[in-house]
């Protein structure tokens, strides 16, 4: 059996995951990277994307995250994400409404619209939709 380590994923309001895993693949600022047991310690900035990990039964689990940091240390990986959701927590109608709002703001481009914020909203909504496909 593969070596395991503890994975903890937290967002500002809750703990999303706290369980043993054998591997993690995360969306780093410079691209996706993997972590396995006994990895050298490091810290990485994260971007919006899908984090995947293997649970104790060997099944792949997915989490939509947006931004934050990952710290790998002896026997533990901690992810502090700006937001994190598992597929069963995502409301498709709410995501579609957020995506529509972001698209509308980007199409209209009024002077009072924060373009970077609208682009970020659209990126987060599209990321959450990936988990529902």
Protein backbone atom coordinates (compact mmCIF):
# COMPACT_ATOMS: atom_id res chain seq x y z
CA UNK A 1 0.00 0.00 0.00
CA UNK A 2 1.23 3.51 -0.84
CA UNK A 3 2.38 5.81 1.92
CA UNK A 4 -0.17 8.35 3.05
CA UNK A 5 -0.13 11.81 4.56
CA UNK A 6 -2.77 14.15 5.97
CA UNK A 7 -4.47 16.61 3.60
CA UNK A 8 -6.27 19.59 5.08
CA UNK A 9 -8.11 22.06 2.85
CA UNK A 10 -9.57 25.13 4.51
CA UNK A 11 -11.42 28.16 3.24
CA UNK A 12 -12.09 31.32 5.27
CA UNK A 13 -15.30 29.90 6.75
CA UNK A 14 -14.71 26.14 7.13
CA UNK A 15 -12.62 23.01 6.79
CA UNK A 16 -13.46 21.38 3.44
CA UNK A 17 -11.21 18.29 3.61
CA UNK A 18 -9.26 16.74 6.48
CA UNK A 19 -8.27 13.18 5.62
CA UNK A 20 -5.47 10.82 4.68
CA UNK A 21 -4.33 10.74 1.07
CA UNK A 22 -1.58 9.20 -1.03
CA UNK A 23 -1.25 12.03 -3.56
CA UNK A 24 -2.40 15.56 -4.36
CA UNK A 25 -2.40 17.43 -7.66
CA UNK A 26 -2.92 21.18 -7.28
CA UNK A 27 -3.23 24.21 -9.58
CA UNK A 28 -0.08 26.19 -8.84
CA UNK A 29 0.50 29.73 -10.01
CA UNK A 30 2.89 28.38 -12.68
CA UNK A 31 0.90 25.24 -13.54
CA UNK A 32 -0.33 22.03 -11.96
CA UNK A 33 2.02 20.13 -9.65
CA UNK A 34 1.88 16.92 -7.64
CA UNK A 35 2.72 16.01 -4.06
CA UNK A 36 3.25 12.51 -2.69
CA UNK A 37 4.19 11.18 0.72
CA UNK A 38 7.61 12.25 2.01
CA UNK A 39 7.82 15.17 -0.42
CA UNK A 40 10.37 17.87 0.35
CA UNK A 41 8.79 20.77 2.29
CA UNK A 42 7.68 23.74 0.19
CA UNK A 43 5.05 26.46 -0.14
CA UNK A 44 3.27 27.38 -3.38
CA UNK A 45 0.79 29.99 -4.43
CA UNK A 46 -2.38 28.51 -5.97
CA UNK A 47 -4.60 29.76 -8.76
CA UNK A 48 -8.20 28.96 -9.61
CA UNK A 49 -8.48 25.33 -10.70
CA UNK A 50 -9.34 21.77 -9.71
CA UNK A 51 -7.38 20.15 -6.89
CA UNK A 52 -7.45 16.34 -6.97
CA UNK A 53 -6.40 13.79 -4.37
CA UNK A 54 -6.64 10.05 -3.72
CA UNK A 55 -8.71 9.12 -0.67
CA UNK A 56 -7.93 6.20 1.67
CA UNK A 57 -9.78 3.83 -0.69
CA UNK A 58 -7.74 4.98 -3.70
CA UNK A 59 -10.63 6.91 -5.28
CA UNK A 60 -9.91 10.25 -6.91
CA UNK A 61 -11.63 13.16 -5.16
CA UNK A 62 -11.97 16.65 -6.64
CA UNK A 63 -12.22 20.11 -5.09
CA UNK A 64 -12.79 23.39 -6.95
CA UNK A 65 -10.51 25.99 -5.43
CA UNK A 66 -9.84 29.60 -6.18
CA UNK A 67 -6.55 31.07 -5.11
CA UNK A 68 -4.66 30.61 -1.89
CA UNK A 69 -1.54 28.74 -0.80
CA UNK A 70 -0.40 25.15 -0.32
CA UNK A 71 2.18 24.13 2.26
CA UNK A 72 3.76 20.68 2.13
CA UNK A 73 5.64 19.58 5.23
CA UNK A 74 6.50 16.36 7.00
CA UNK A 75 3.41 14.15 6.75
CA UNK A 76 0.94 16.96 6.05
CA UNK A 77 -0.28 19.14 3.19
CA UNK A 78 -2.32 22.21 4.12
CA UNK A 79 -4.26 24.20 1.54
CA UNK A 80 -5.55 27.63 2.56
CA UNK A 81 -7.88 28.53 -0.30
CA UNK A 82 -9.85 31.71 -0.94
CA UNK A 83 -12.76 29.36 -1.69
CA UNK A 84 -13.09 25.58 -1.93
CA UNK A 85 -16.04 23.37 -2.85
CA UNK A 86 -16.56 19.68 -3.46
CA UNK A 87 -18.83 18.63 -6.37
CA UNK A 88 -21.80 17.69 -4.18
CA UNK A 89 -21.77 21.19 -2.63
CA UNK A 90 -22.12 23.07 -5.92
CA UNK A 91 -25.54 24.38 -6.99
CA UNK A 92 -25.65 24.35 -10.81
CA UNK A 93 -28.34 27.06 -11.02
CA UNK A 94 -26.34 29.38 -8.78
CA UNK A 95 -23.19 28.82 -10.84
CA UNK A 96 -25.06 29.48 -14.10
CA UNK A 97 -26.49 32.72 -12.67
CA UNK A 98 -22.99 33.86 -11.60
CA UNK A 99 -21.61 33.00 -15.04
CA UNK A 100 -24.42 34.92 -16.78
CA UNK A 101 -23.84 37.98 -14.55
CA UNK A 102 -20.11 37.96 -15.25
CA UNK A 103 -20.62 37.60 -19.03
CA UNK A 104 -23.17 40.43 -19.02
CA UNK A 105 -20.79 42.73 -17.12
CA UNK A 106 -17.95 41.96 -19.50
CA UNK A 107 -20.14 42.54 -22.57
CA UNK A 108 -21.54 45.87 -21.32
CA UNK A 109 -18.26 47.30 -20.00
CA UNK A 110 -19.81 50.33 -18.31
CA UNK A 111 -17.37 52.77 -16.74
CA UNK A 112 -18.40 51.63 -13.26
CA UNK A 113 -17.75 47.91 -13.99
CA UNK A 114 -14.60 46.40 -12.49
CA UNK A 115 -13.40 44.30 -15.43
CA UNK A 116 -10.82 42.32 -13.45
CA UNK A 117 -13.44 41.40 -10.87
CA UNK A 118 -15.91 40.30 -13.56
CA UNK A 119 -13.21 38.21 -15.26
CA UNK A 120 -12.35 36.59 -11.91
CA UNK A 121 -16.04 35.82 -11.29
CA UNK A 122 -16.33 34.20 -14.70
CA UNK A 123 -13.15 32.14 -14.18
CA UNK A 124 -14.42 30.88 -10.79
CA UNK A 125 -17.85 30.00 -12.21
CA UNK A 126 -16.32 28.11 -15.14
CA UNK A 127 -14.03 26.24 -12.74
CA UNK A 128 -16.98 25.17 -10.59
CA UNK A 129 -18.87 24.03 -13.71
CA UNK A 130 -15.96 21.69 -14.58
CA UNK A 131 -16.76 19.64 -11.49
CA UNK A 132 -20.38 19.23 -12.57
CA UNK A 133 -19.59 17.87 -16.03
